[in-house]
Amino acid sequence: MTGRAALAGLAVLTALAPAATAVVTDPAPALAAPADPQVQPYVLSYTVTASHQGRPETLWTIAARFLGDAERAGEILELNTGRRQPDGGRLTDPGRLHAGWHLVLPWDAIGTGLRHGVLPTAPTTARSAPAPATTAPAVPAARTLPPVAPGTVRTAGSPAADRSGCRPRVVAEPPAASTWGQRLMAPHEVWRITSGSGVRVAVVDSGVAAGRPELGDRLGRGADIVSGNGSGDIDCVGTGTALAGIVAADDGADGRRVGVAPKAVIVPVRLVDRGVPASPPASVTAVQVAVATGAKVILLGPAVDATDPTVRSAIDEAIGHGVLVVVPAPTGGTPVAPADGLLRVGGLRSAQHATVDHPAGSVDLLAPATSVRSIGAAGSGAFVGNGTAYAAAFVAGTAALVRSAHPGLTAGQLGRQLVSTVAPVEHGPAGVGRLDPHRAVTGPLVDGGLPGTAEASAARTARTVPVSWPVVLTVLTTPGVLLVGGRLWSRYRAARRRRRWDAEQADDPFRSHVDGADLVRSGKP
């Protein structure tokens, strides 16, 4: 009996041990996710030459030439330290470089000889002078311009311009109804699951004004294609800042958050300084730079002509590197051709009607596009705009939410997730619905890419409340208590039977109750 009790206690211990371990360690199971198709990162790189202008190249001379500041050599060193070069060597000394080495440069580097794409795998024959890259359109050469006084800003193809003339459009008192787009989208409903943290969204337009508290430290270092140097944190038009605000602004005041993904990082790519279309070569460079910054979502402003063949080639290349590209659908002229990983966004009025009659097959989904409020690029004013570019900003922000919740989705899956979860509209293109951030994040994922919904994933991965030590000790000691208790109970029952047997023997002097089992137990024949 004692042996059976011990086995029972051991069985209880075996059964409770995994539960006790789960309570104490509280593992967070990882979701199965598709592998990132991008094997090598898409970067901006430079191949070291034997000499430049008769002098050996160093990190300081390269930083001065492509970044405009020799002190930024440390950034290049950080990006390349420890990586094996084609000749088997490694970068350890910023003053000693070997011809043929491939150096990754910060994304705002500009100059002749730079290459956008994955690092070459084969050794490159060193040249005495750099030559333009052949795999992508050459980046405009860095220009040596005279120093300018504080308060001025350079513009493309022109001397330094007075920054006092940079006056972006702002609205002192926007109408209360201008927040209808944010109320309709209601992104706050999914912020307990995701708010876009960890996702970089490149905004390719007129730049994003620095110092906006609604963006705070989430305004990353971008690139200024207009001036040829700088980080893109100037906006003389106001549209770029407004687009960035719809994507990610978060002022936290009285709940007036106008951004869809208030924890996403904005990467400004300043392509224009006036409200005019950008040239195709400049647009190609802007898209390539946006990919090189590590952005996983690119929002193209209205200045970019996505129907141009060279621009479209750059867009397709970006998609191939796992980046979702969001473009505003043209309201006239040639529509943008569809692609997996490209979202063409049409406009929606507050009455749930499409802003224009988009041709069939020319748009993928709709979003608010009339009288849409966002942050302004100057002072404390706001911005109220009209156009499909602002609808595209809502989509880019939602893409950041979904990307943050499900980082394993490919660019194509991410785009299809947003399209497959749209809400119906009363009047719009056939088969085209309205963006729905809540359904995009929490709805079943496309293609069976990941199991379950975002809410289920959040519930599975959320850590439980910390377990107190008394509870831990109770769980760990329970099996031992049960084992000891089983043994004591077995001994008690054996003693009870022995007392009953002794009493029966005392009342039966002739031992008439002795049976075979007792004889066997006693050892008598």
Protein backbone atom coordinates (compact mmCIF):
# COMPACT_ATOMS: atom_id res chain seq x y z
CA MET A 1 0.00 0.00 0.00
CA THR A 2 2.86 2.27 0.87
CA GLY A 3 4.36 1.65 -2.59
CA ARG A 4 1.12 2.50 -4.34
CA ALA A 5 0.81 5.72 -2.34
CA ALA A 6 4.35 6.67 -3.28
CA LEU A 7 3.61 6.07 -6.96
CA ALA A 8 0.46 8.15 -6.69
CA GLY A 9 2.41 11.00 -5.14
CA LEU A 10 5.04 10.72 -7.90
CA ALA A 11 2.31 10.88 -10.54
CA VAL A 12 0.95 14.04 -8.95
CA LEU A 13 4.45 15.52 -8.90
CA THR A 14 4.94 14.68 -12.59
CA ALA A 15 1.63 16.27 -13.49
CA LEU A 16 2.16 19.45 -11.49
CA ALA A 17 5.81 20.06 -12.36
CA PRO A 18 5.16 21.48 -15.87
CA ALA A 19 2.43 23.74 -14.53
CA ALA A 20 4.69 24.98 -11.75
CA THR A 21 7.44 25.67 -14.28
CA ALA A 22 5.03 27.53 -16.56
CA VAL A 23 3.84 29.72 -13.69
CA VAL A 24 7.35 30.56 -12.56
CA THR A 25 9.05 31.09 -15.91
CA ASP A 26 6.05 32.53 -17.78
CA PRO A 27 7.32 31.85 -21.32
CA ALA A 28 6.14 34.02 -24.19
CA PRO A 29 5.63 31.73 -27.16
CA ALA A 30 6.90 33.05 -30.46
CA LEU A 31 4.61 33.09 -33.45
CA ALA A 32 5.63 31.29 -36.60
CA ALA A 33 6.53 33.94 -39.12
CA PRO A 34 7.59 33.76 -42.72
CA ALA A 35 11.26 34.40 -43.29
CA ASP A 36 12.19 37.86 -44.54
CA PRO A 37 12.82 37.54 -48.26
CA GLN A 38 15.56 40.14 -48.02
CA VAL A 39 18.72 38.08 -47.50
CA GLN A 40 21.09 41.07 -47.62
CA PRO A 41 20.16 44.59 -46.54
CA TYR A 42 19.61 47.31 -49.08
CA VAL A 43 22.23 49.94 -48.32
CA LEU A 44 24.07 52.95 -49.68
CA SER A 45 27.69 51.98 -50.26
CA TYR A 46 30.97 53.20 -51.70
CA THR A 47 33.90 51.22 -53.07
CA VAL A 48 37.26 52.53 -51.88
CA THR A 49 39.63 53.52 -54.69
CA ALA A 50 43.43 53.50 -54.81
CA SER A 51 43.47 57.28 -54.34
CA HIS A 52 41.32 60.37 -54.64
CA GLN A 53 42.80 63.59 -55.99
CA GLY A 54 46.26 62.11 -55.54
CA ARG A 55 45.82 61.17 -51.88
CA PRO A 56 45.02 57.86 -50.20
CA GLU A 57 41.45 57.62 -49.00
CA THR A 58 40.55 57.60 -45.31
CA LEU A 59 37.27 57.58 -43.44
CA TRP A 60 37.73 61.29 -42.74
CA THR A 61 38.16 62.22 -46.40
CA ILE A 62 35.20 60.02 -47.40
CA ALA A 63 33.01 61.56 -44.69
CA ALA A 64 33.99 65.07 -45.77
CA ARG A 65 33.32 64.28 -49.44
CA PHE A 66 29.96 62.48 -49.14
CA LEU A 67 28.58 63.73 -45.82
CA GLY A 68 30.00 67.24 -45.78
CA ASP A 69 31.54 66.72 -42.34
CA ALA A 70 34.81 64.88 -41.61
CA GLU A 71 33.72 64.39 -38.00
CA ARG A 72 31.06 61.93 -39.18
CA ALA A 73 33.78 59.40 -39.96
CA GLY A 74 32.78 57.67 -36.75
CA GLU A 75 29.38 56.86 -38.22
CA ILE A 76 31.03 55.11 -41.18
CA LEU A 77 33.32 53.23 -38.83
CA GLU A 78 30.37 52.04 -36.74
CA LEU A 79 28.53 50.80 -39.85
CA ASN A 80 31.50 48.77 -41.12
CA THR A 81 33.51 47.58 -38.12
CA GLY A 82 33.90 43.80 -38.01
CA ARG A 83 32.49 43.10 -41.47
CA ARG A 84 34.78 41.00 -43.69
CA GLN A 85 35.88 42.79 -46.86
CA PRO A 86 36.40 41.13 -50.30
CA ASP A 87 40.12 40.65 -49.65
CA GLY A 88 39.46 39.03 -46.27
CA GLY A 89 40.45 42.08 -44.25
CA ARG A 90 38.41 44.03 -41.73
CA LEU A 91 38.10 47.72 -41.01
CA THR A 92 39.85 48.56 -37.74
CA ASP A 93 41.76 51.75 -38.47
CA PRO A 94 39.88 54.73 -40.00
CA GLY A 95 43.15 55.96 -41.50
CA ARG A 96 43.99 52.74 -43.34
CA LEU A 97 41.67 51.62 -46.11
CA HIS A 98 42.36 49.12 -48.87
CA ALA A 99 41.33 49.69 -52.47
CA GLY A 100 38.32 47.55 -53.35
CA TRP A 101 36.75 47.59 -49.89
CA HIS A 102 33.00 48.23 -49.82
CA LEU A 103 31.90 50.73 -47.17
CA VAL A 104 28.32 51.17 -46.03
CA LEU A 105 27.55 54.88 -45.72
CA PRO A 106 24.77 56.71 -43.87
CA TRP A 107 21.69 57.16 -46.02
CA ASP A 108 22.11 60.94 -46.35
CA ALA A 109 25.45 60.59 -48.16
CA ILE A 110 25.39 62.17 -51.61
CA GLY A 111 28.01 62.21 -54.34
CA THR A 112 29.35 60.53 -57.46
CA GLY A 113 30.40 56.91 -57.04
CA LEU A 114 27.76 55.84 -54.54
CA ARG A 115 25.76 52.66 -55.10
CA HIS A 116 22.24 51.83 -53.90
CA GLY A 117 21.48 48.14 -53.34
CA VAL A 118 23.01 45.09 -51.70
CA LEU A 119 26.75 45.02 -51.16
CA PRO A 120 28.71 43.41 -54.01
CA THR A 121 29.86 39.89 -53.21
CA ALA A 122 32.77 39.72 -55.68
CA PRO A 123 35.95 41.78 -55.31
CA THR A 124 35.87 45.05 -57.21
CA THR A 125 38.88 46.18 -59.21
CA ALA A 126 40.20 49.37 -57.69
CA ARG A 127 40.26 52.47 -59.84
CA SER A 128 42.28 55.59 -59.45
CA ALA A 129 39.12 57.69 -59.63
CA PRO A 130 35.51 56.90 -58.78
CA ALA A 131 32.96 56.34 -61.50
CA PRO A 132 29.17 56.58 -61.37
CA ALA A 133 27.32 53.42 -60.32
CA THR A 134 25.88 51.37 -63.15
CA THR A 135 23.21 49.48 -61.20
CA ALA A 136 21.18 52.59 -60.39
CA PRO A 137 20.87 56.14 -61.67
CA ALA A 138 23.79 58.21 -60.44
CA VAL A 139 23.16 60.30 -57.35
CA PRO A 140 23.73 64.00 -58.02
CA ALA A 141 27.28 64.98 -57.20
CA ALA A 142 27.86 66.87 -53.99
CA ARG A 143 28.32 70.57 -54.66
CA THR A 144 30.84 72.84 -53.00
CA LEU A 145 28.93 75.98 -52.15
CA PRO A 146 30.10 79.04 -50.24
CA PRO A 147 29.21 79.21 -46.56
CA VAL A 148 25.90 80.81 -45.76
CA ALA A 149 24.72 82.86 -42.84
CA PRO A 150 22.47 81.40 -40.18
CA GLY A 151 18.80 81.41 -41.11
CA THR A 152 19.31 80.49 -44.75
CA VAL A 153 18.60 77.30 -46.66
CA ARG A 154 19.97 76.03 -49.95
CA THR A 155 17.66 75.13 -52.80
CA ALA A 156 18.29 72.78 -55.71
CA GLY A 157 20.33 74.31 -58.52
CA SER A 158 20.46 77.74 -56.90
CA PRO A 159 22.65 79.67 -54.47
CA ALA A 160 21.73 79.92 -50.82
CA ALA A 161 18.20 81.21 -50.39
CA ASP A 162 16.90 83.30 -47.52
CA ARG A 163 15.02 81.03 -45.14
CA SER A 164 12.81 83.92 -44.13
CA GLY A 165 10.98 83.30 -47.41
CA CYS A 166 10.22 79.74 -46.34
CA ARG A 167 6.63 80.19 -45.18
CA PRO A 168 4.66 76.95 -45.11
CA ARG A 169 0.89 77.19 -45.11
CA VAL A 170 -0.76 76.92 -41.69
CA VAL A 171 -4.27 77.42 -40.33
CA ALA A 172 -4.56 79.31 -37.05
CA GLU A 173 -7.97 77.93 -36.07
CA PRO A 174 -8.99 74.85 -38.06
CA PRO A 175 -12.69 73.95 -38.07
CA ALA A 176 -13.76 71.34 -35.55
CA ALA A 177 -15.15 69.18 -38.36
CA SER A 178 -11.66 68.79 -39.85
CA THR A 179 -10.93 65.85 -37.55
CA TRP A 180 -13.65 63.74 -39.15
CA GLY A 181 -11.04 61.55 -40.83
CA GLN A 182 -9.39 60.63 -37.54
CA ARG A 183 -12.78 59.92 -35.94
CA LEU A 184 -13.82 57.72 -38.85
CA MET A 185 -10.57 55.75 -38.85
CA ALA A 186 -10.58 55.44 -35.02
CA PRO A 187 -7.02 54.06 -34.81
CA HIS A 188 -7.06 54.40 -31.01
CA GLU A 189 -9.12 51.21 -30.88
CA VAL A 190 -6.02 49.15 -31.66
CA TRP A 191 -3.38 51.10 -29.72
CA ARG A 192 -3.64 48.66 -26.83
CA ILE A 193 -2.37 46.04 -29.30
CA THR A 194 0.05 48.11 -31.36
CA SER A 195 0.86 51.76 -31.97
CA GLY A 196 3.44 51.33 -34.70
CA SER A 197 6.49 51.04 -32.46
CA GLY A 198 9.63 49.95 -34.27
CA VAL A 199 8.39 50.78 -37.79
CA ARG A 200 10.10 53.45 -39.90
CA VAL A 201 7.90 55.28 -42.40
CA ALA A 202 9.64 57.37 -45.05
CA VAL A 203 7.68 60.43 -46.18
CA VAL A 204 8.88 61.55 -49.62
CA ASP A 205 7.60 65.08 -50.18
CA SER A 206 8.56 68.58 -49.03
CA GLY A 207 10.41 67.55 -45.89
CA VAL A 208 9.19 67.46 -42.29
CA ALA A 209 9.69 70.48 -40.04
CA ALA A 210 12.00 69.83 -37.10
CA GLY A 211 10.93 70.73 -33.59
CA ARG A 212 7.31 69.64 -33.81
CA PRO A 213 6.44 68.31 -30.32
CA GLU A 214 3.86 65.98 -31.87
CA LEU A 215 6.71 64.02 -33.46
CA GLY A 216 9.33 64.61 -30.78
CA ASP A 217 12.29 62.26 -30.96
CA ARG A 218 10.47 60.06 -33.49
CA LEU A 219 11.60 62.27 -36.37
CA GLY A 220 14.53 60.28 -37.74
CA ARG A 221 17.46 61.49 -39.77
CA GLY A 222 16.38 61.63 -43.38
CA ALA A 223 17.87 63.20 -46.49
CA ASP A 224 17.50 66.48 -48.33
CA ILE A 225 17.48 65.78 -52.06
CA VAL A 226 16.76 69.45 -52.79
CA SER A 227 19.93 70.91 -51.31
CA GLY A 228 22.16 67.87 -51.74
CA ASN A 229 22.94 67.71 -48.03
CA GLY A 230 21.06 67.81 -44.77
CA SER A 231 18.57 65.55 -43.06
CA GLY A 232 15.28 66.64 -44.63
CA ASP A 233 13.96 68.39 -41.51
CA ILE A 234 12.98 71.60 -43.34
CA ASP A 235 9.54 72.12 -44.87
CA CYS A 236 8.81 75.28 -46.85
CA VAL A 237 5.52 73.97 -48.24
CA GLY A 238 3.83 72.26 -45.33
CA THR A 239 2.51 69.17 -47.10
CA GLY A 240 5.32 66.87 -45.98
CA THR A 241 4.83 67.79 -42.33
CA ALA A 242 1.09 67.33 -42.68
CA LEU A 243 1.51 63.89 -44.22
CA ALA A 244 3.91 62.90 -41.44
CA GLY A 245 1.41 64.18 -38.87
CA ILE A 246 -1.38 61.99 -40.20
CA VAL A 247 0.95 59.01 -40.12
CA ALA A 248 2.45 59.41 -36.67
CA ALA A 249 1.72 62.68 -34.80
CA ASP A 250 1.00 62.35 -31.09
CA ASP A 251 0.51 65.52 -29.03
CA GLY A 252 -1.18 63.72 -26.16
CA ALA A 253 -3.25 66.80 -25.34
CA ASP A 254 -6.88 66.10 -24.46
CA GLY A 255 -6.80 63.03 -26.66
CA ARG A 256 -6.23 65.13 -29.80
CA ARG A 257 -3.95 62.63 -31.46
CA VAL A 258 -4.07 63.11 -35.20
CA GLY A 259 -1.60 60.35 -36.07
CA VAL A 260 -2.65 56.82 -36.92
CA ALA A 261 0.55 55.19 -35.57
CA PRO A 262 1.77 57.49 -32.76
CA LYS A 263 4.88 55.42 -32.00
CA ALA A 264 6.17 55.00 -35.55
CA VAL A 265 9.36 56.77 -36.64
CA ILE A 266 9.15 59.27 -39.50
CA VAL A 267 12.05 59.44 -41.97
CA PRO A 268 11.79 62.69 -43.95
CA VAL A 269 13.02 62.69 -47.54
CA ARG A 270 12.85 66.26 -48.81
CA LEU A 271 12.25 66.11 -52.54
CA VAL A 272 10.70 69.52 -53.37
CA ASP A 273 10.75 73.00 -51.86
CA ARG A 274 7.76 74.30 -53.79
CA GLY A 275 4.42 72.87 -54.78
CA VAL A 276 5.66 71.57 -58.13
CA PRO A 277 6.26 68.05 -59.48
CA ALA A 278 9.71 66.57 -58.92
CA SER A 279 11.89 65.39 -61.80
CA PRO A 280 11.99 61.63 -62.39
CA PRO A 281 15.75 61.35 -61.61
CA ALA A 282 15.25 63.17 -58.30
CA SER A 283 12.25 60.96 -57.50
CA VAL A 284 14.28 57.82 -58.24
CA THR A 285 17.02 59.03 -55.91
CA ALA A 286 14.43 59.82 -53.21
CA VAL A 287 12.94 56.32 -53.37
CA GLN A 288 16.38 54.71 -53.26
CA VAL A 289 17.41 56.84 -50.29
CA ALA A 290 14.16 55.98 -48.50
CA VAL A 291 14.91 52.27 -48.86
CA ALA A 292 18.48 52.78 -47.68
CA THR A 293 17.25 54.42 -44.47
CA GLY A 294 15.69 51.14 -43.41
CA ALA A 295 12.09 52.28 -43.87
CA LYS A 296 9.58 49.45 -44.26
CA VAL A 297 6.79 51.73 -45.48
CA ILE A 298 7.30 54.50 -48.06
CA LEU A 299 4.68 57.20 -48.54
CA LEU A 300 5.10 59.06 -51.82
CA GLY A 301 3.72 62.58 -51.91
CA PRO A 302 1.90 64.22 -54.83
CA ALA A 303 5.15 65.57 -56.28
CA VAL A 304 6.22 62.06 -57.33
CA ASP A 305 5.00 60.77 -60.71
CA ALA A 306 4.61 57.05 -60.05
CA THR A 307 3.61 56.48 -63.68
CA ASP A 308 7.05 57.42 -64.98
CA PRO A 309 8.90 54.25 -66.09
CA THR A 310 12.12 55.06 -64.23
CA VAL A 311 10.28 55.97 -61.06
CA ARG A 312 8.18 52.84 -61.33
CA SER A 313 11.34 50.77 -61.69
CA ALA A 314 12.65 52.26 -58.42
CA ILE A 315 9.31 51.49 -56.74
CA ASP A 316 9.40 47.89 -57.91
CA GLU A 317 12.95 47.57 -56.64
CA ALA A 318 11.87 48.91 -53.24
CA ILE A 319 9.04 46.36 -53.08
CA GLY A 320 11.53 43.64 -53.91
CA HIS A 321 13.41 44.58 -50.74
CA GLY A 322 10.35 44.10 -48.54
CA VAL A 323 9.10 47.69 -48.50
CA LEU A 324 5.40 48.55 -48.88
CA VAL A 325 4.96 51.60 -51.13
CA VAL A 326 1.86 53.77 -50.76
CA VAL A 327 0.97 56.26 -53.50
CA PRO A 328 -1.96 58.65 -53.93
CA ALA A 329 -4.09 57.69 -56.91
CA PRO A 330 -4.09 60.39 -59.60
CA THR A 331 -7.45 62.13 -59.97
CA GLY A 332 -6.95 62.33 -63.72
CA GLY A 333 -4.66 61.23 -66.49
CA THR A 334 -2.82 57.92 -66.57
CA PRO A 335 -3.54 55.65 -63.60
CA VAL A 336 -0.77 53.90 -61.69
CA ALA A 337 -0.35 50.28 -62.71
CA PRO A 338 -1.07 47.75 -59.93
CA ALA A 339 1.57 45.64 -58.20
CA ASP A 340 1.82 43.34 -55.22
CA GLY A 341 3.30 45.51 -52.47
CA LEU A 342 2.02 48.78 -53.98
CA LEU A 343 -1.15 50.45 -52.63
CA ARG A 344 -2.93 53.05 -54.75
CA VAL A 345 -5.18 55.14 -52.52
CA GLY A 346 -8.28 57.02 -53.59
CA GLY A 347 -10.06 59.81 -51.73
CA LEU A 348 -13.17 59.67 -49.56
CA ARG A 349 -15.53 62.47 -48.48
CA SER A 350 -17.05 62.73 -45.02
CA ALA A 351 -20.36 61.54 -46.53
CA GLN A 352 -18.69 58.21 -47.36
CA HIS A 353 -18.54 59.00 -51.09
CA ALA A 354 -15.46 58.80 -53.29
CA THR A 355 -14.05 62.22 -54.13
CA VAL A 356 -13.88 61.41 -57.85
CA ASP A 357 -15.01 58.65 -60.15
CA HIS A 358 -11.83 56.63 -60.25
CA PRO A 359 -11.58 54.36 -63.30
CA ALA A 360 -12.12 50.69 -62.63
CA GLY A 361 -8.95 49.01 -61.40
CA SER A 362 -7.12 52.27 -60.71
CA VAL A 363 -7.40 52.30 -56.89
CA ASP A 364 -7.01 49.63 -54.22
CA LEU A 365 -8.80 51.29 -51.30
CA LEU A 366 -10.19 54.63 -50.10
CA ALA A 367 -9.42 56.88 -47.13
CA PRO A 368 -10.36 60.43 -45.93
CA ALA A 369 -9.15 63.07 -48.37
CA THR A 370 -11.20 66.25 -47.91
CA SER A 371 -10.74 68.88 -45.19
CA VAL A 372 -8.28 66.66 -43.33
CA ARG A 373 -6.49 68.18 -40.35
CA SER A 374 -2.87 67.61 -39.41
CA ILE A 375 0.04 69.44 -37.82
CA GLY A 376 1.51 72.55 -39.38
CA ALA A 377 5.13 73.16 -40.31
CA ALA A 378 5.44 76.51 -38.54
CA GLY A 379 4.57 77.81 -35.10
CA SER A 380 1.63 76.20 -33.36
CA GLY A 381 -0.68 76.33 -36.35
CA ALA A 382 -2.45 73.37 -37.91
CA PHE A 383 -2.80 72.24 -41.49
CA VAL A 384 -6.02 71.41 -43.33
CA GLY A 385 -5.63 69.82 -46.74
CA ASN A 386 -7.51 68.17 -49.58
CA GLY A 387 -6.30 65.45 -51.88
CA THR A 388 -5.55 61.75 -52.18
CA ALA A 389 -2.09 62.31 -50.70
CA TYR A 390 -3.69 62.72 -47.27
CA ALA A 391 -5.74 59.58 -47.84
CA ALA A 392 -2.48 57.78 -48.61
CA ALA A 393 -1.07 59.04 -45.30
CA PHE A 394 -3.89 57.30 -43.40
CA VAL A 395 -3.03 54.10 -45.25
CA ALA A 396 0.70 54.43 -44.54
CA GLY A 397 -0.02 54.91 -40.84
CA THR A 398 -2.25 51.83 -40.78
CA ALA A 399 0.43 49.86 -42.60
CA ALA A 400 2.82 50.80 -39.77
CA LEU A 401 0.32 49.45 -37.23
CA VAL A 402 -0.03 46.13 -39.06
CA ARG A 403 3.71 45.87 -39.72
CA SER A 404 4.40 46.42 -36.01
CA ALA A 405 1.82 43.82 -34.95
CA HIS A 406 2.91 41.27 -37.57
CA PRO A 407 6.55 41.94 -38.58
CA GLY A 408 6.72 38.65 -40.47
CA LEU A 409 4.40 39.79 -43.25
CA THR A 410 5.97 40.46 -46.63
CA ALA A 411 5.27 43.69 -48.48
CA GLY A 412 2.70 41.91 -50.66
CA GLN A 413 0.98 40.31 -47.68
CA LEU A 414 0.90 43.62 -45.87
CA GLY A 415 -0.77 45.32 -48.81
CA ARG A 416 -3.29 42.53 -49.26
CA GLN A 417 -4.07 42.60 -45.54
CA LEU A 418 -5.13 46.25 -45.76
CA VAL A 419 -7.17 45.67 -48.91
CA SER A 420 -8.88 42.50 -47.68
CA THR A 421 -10.09 44.14 -44.45
CA VAL A 422 -11.72 47.26 -45.89
CA ALA A 423 -15.19 48.40 -44.89
CA PRO A 424 -17.89 48.94 -47.54
CA VAL A 425 -18.75 52.42 -48.80
CA GLU A 426 -22.03 53.68 -50.24
CA HIS A 427 -20.66 55.30 -53.38
CA GLY A 428 -17.28 54.38 -54.78
CA PRO A 429 -15.50 52.26 -57.37
CA ALA A 430 -16.87 48.75 -57.69
CA GLY A 431 -15.23 46.34 -55.29
CA VAL A 432 -13.21 49.06 -53.51
CA GLY A 433 -13.79 49.70 -49.82
CA ARG A 434 -12.73 52.07 -47.07
CA LEU A 435 -9.62 51.63 -44.95
CA ASP A 436 -10.41 50.06 -41.56
CA PRO A 437 -7.41 50.12 -39.17
CA HIS A 438 -9.12 47.97 -36.51
CA ARG A 439 -9.99 45.17 -38.91
CA ALA A 440 -6.59 45.42 -40.60
CA VAL A 441 -4.81 44.79 -37.29
CA THR A 442 -7.18 42.35 -35.59
CA GLY A 443 -8.69 40.48 -38.53
CA PRO A 444 -7.49 37.08 -39.80
CA LEU A 445 -4.28 37.43 -41.73
CA VAL A 446 -4.05 36.87 -45.45
CA ASP A 447 -2.49 33.82 -47.06
CA GLY A 448 -2.29 32.00 -43.75
CA GLY A 449 0.94 33.87 -43.19
CA LEU A 450 0.49 33.84 -39.42
CA PRO A 451 -2.02 32.00 -37.25
CA GLY A 452 -4.91 33.70 -35.49
CA THR A 453 -5.51 37.40 -35.04
CA ALA A 454 -3.48 40.19 -33.57
CA GLU A 455 -5.60 40.17 -30.43
CA ALA A 456 -4.95 36.46 -29.97
CA SER A 457 -1.27 37.00 -30.61
CA ALA A 458 -1.17 39.80 -28.07
CA ALA A 459 -2.94 37.61 -25.55
CA ARG A 460 -0.49 34.75 -26.12
CA THR A 461 2.62 36.89 -26.01
CA ALA A 462 1.58 39.16 -23.13
CA ARG A 463 3.40 38.40 -19.93
CA THR A 464 1.32 37.51 -16.87
CA VAL A 465 1.30 39.34 -13.56
CA PRO A 466 4.47 38.53 -11.59
CA VAL A 467 3.97 35.55 -9.28
CA SER A 468 4.75 36.12 -5.59
CA TRP A 469 7.20 33.81 -3.81
CA PRO A 470 4.56 32.41 -1.40
CA VAL A 471 2.63 31.17 -4.41
CA VAL A 472 5.79 29.72 -5.96
CA LEU A 473 6.68 27.90 -2.74
CA THR A 474 3.14 26.59 -2.41
CA VAL A 475 3.20 25.17 -5.93
CA LEU A 476 6.62 23.59 -5.46
CA THR A 477 5.87 22.04 -2.03
CA THR A 478 2.41 20.70 -2.87
CA PRO A 479 3.69 17.46 -4.50
CA GLY A 480 5.88 16.71 -1.48
CA VAL A 481 3.00 17.34 0.92
CA LEU A 482 0.80 14.99 -1.08
CA LEU A 483 3.49 12.31 -1.07
CA VAL A 484 4.04 12.50 2.69
CA GLY A 485 0.31 12.64 3.30
CA GLY A 486 -0.18 9.50 1.21
CA ARG A 487 2.38 7.63 3.26
CA LEU A 488 0.87 8.74 6.58
CA TRP A 489 -2.60 7.74 5.43
CA SER A 490 -1.32 4.33 4.38
CA ARG A 491 0.31 3.80 7.77
CA TYR A 492 -2.84 4.90 9.58
CA ARG A 493 -4.98 2.42 7.65
CA ALA A 494 -2.48 -0.40 8.31
CA ALA A 495 -2.45 0.35 12.04
CA ARG A 496 -6.25 0.45 12.09
CA ARG A 497 -6.46 -2.95 10.44
CA ARG A 498 -3.92 -4.33 12.92
CA ARG A 499 -5.96 -3.11 15.90
CA ARG A 500 -9.11 -4.62 14.44
CA TRP A 501 -7.28 -7.92 13.91
CA ASP A 502 -5.98 -7.95 17.50
CA ALA A 503 -9.50 -7.27 18.80
CA GLU A 504 -10.92 -10.13 16.77
CA GLN A 505 -8.22 -12.49 18.01
CA ALA A 506 -8.93 -11.56 21.58
CA ASP A 507 -12.67 -12.34 21.13
CA ASP A 508 -12.01 -15.65 19.28
CA PRO A 509 -9.73 -17.88 21.36
CA PHE A 510 -10.24 -20.75 18.88
CA ARG A 511 -8.99 -18.59 15.91
CA SER A 512 -12.02 -19.53 13.85
CA HIS A 513 -11.60 -16.44 11.66
CA VAL A 514 -8.17 -17.39 10.44
CA ASP A 515 -8.24 -17.86 6.65
CA GLY A 516 -5.76 -18.80 4.00
CA ALA A 517 -4.69 -15.24 3.45
CA ASP A 518 -3.88 -14.82 7.14
CA LEU A 519 -1.93 -18.07 7.15
CA VAL A 520 0.08 -16.97 4.18
CA ARG A 521 0.68 -13.53 5.71
CA SER A 522 1.74 -15.07 9.03
CA GLY A 523 4.01 -17.62 7.39
CA LYS A 524 2.34 -20.62 9.08
CA PRO A 525 1.39 -23.79 7.11
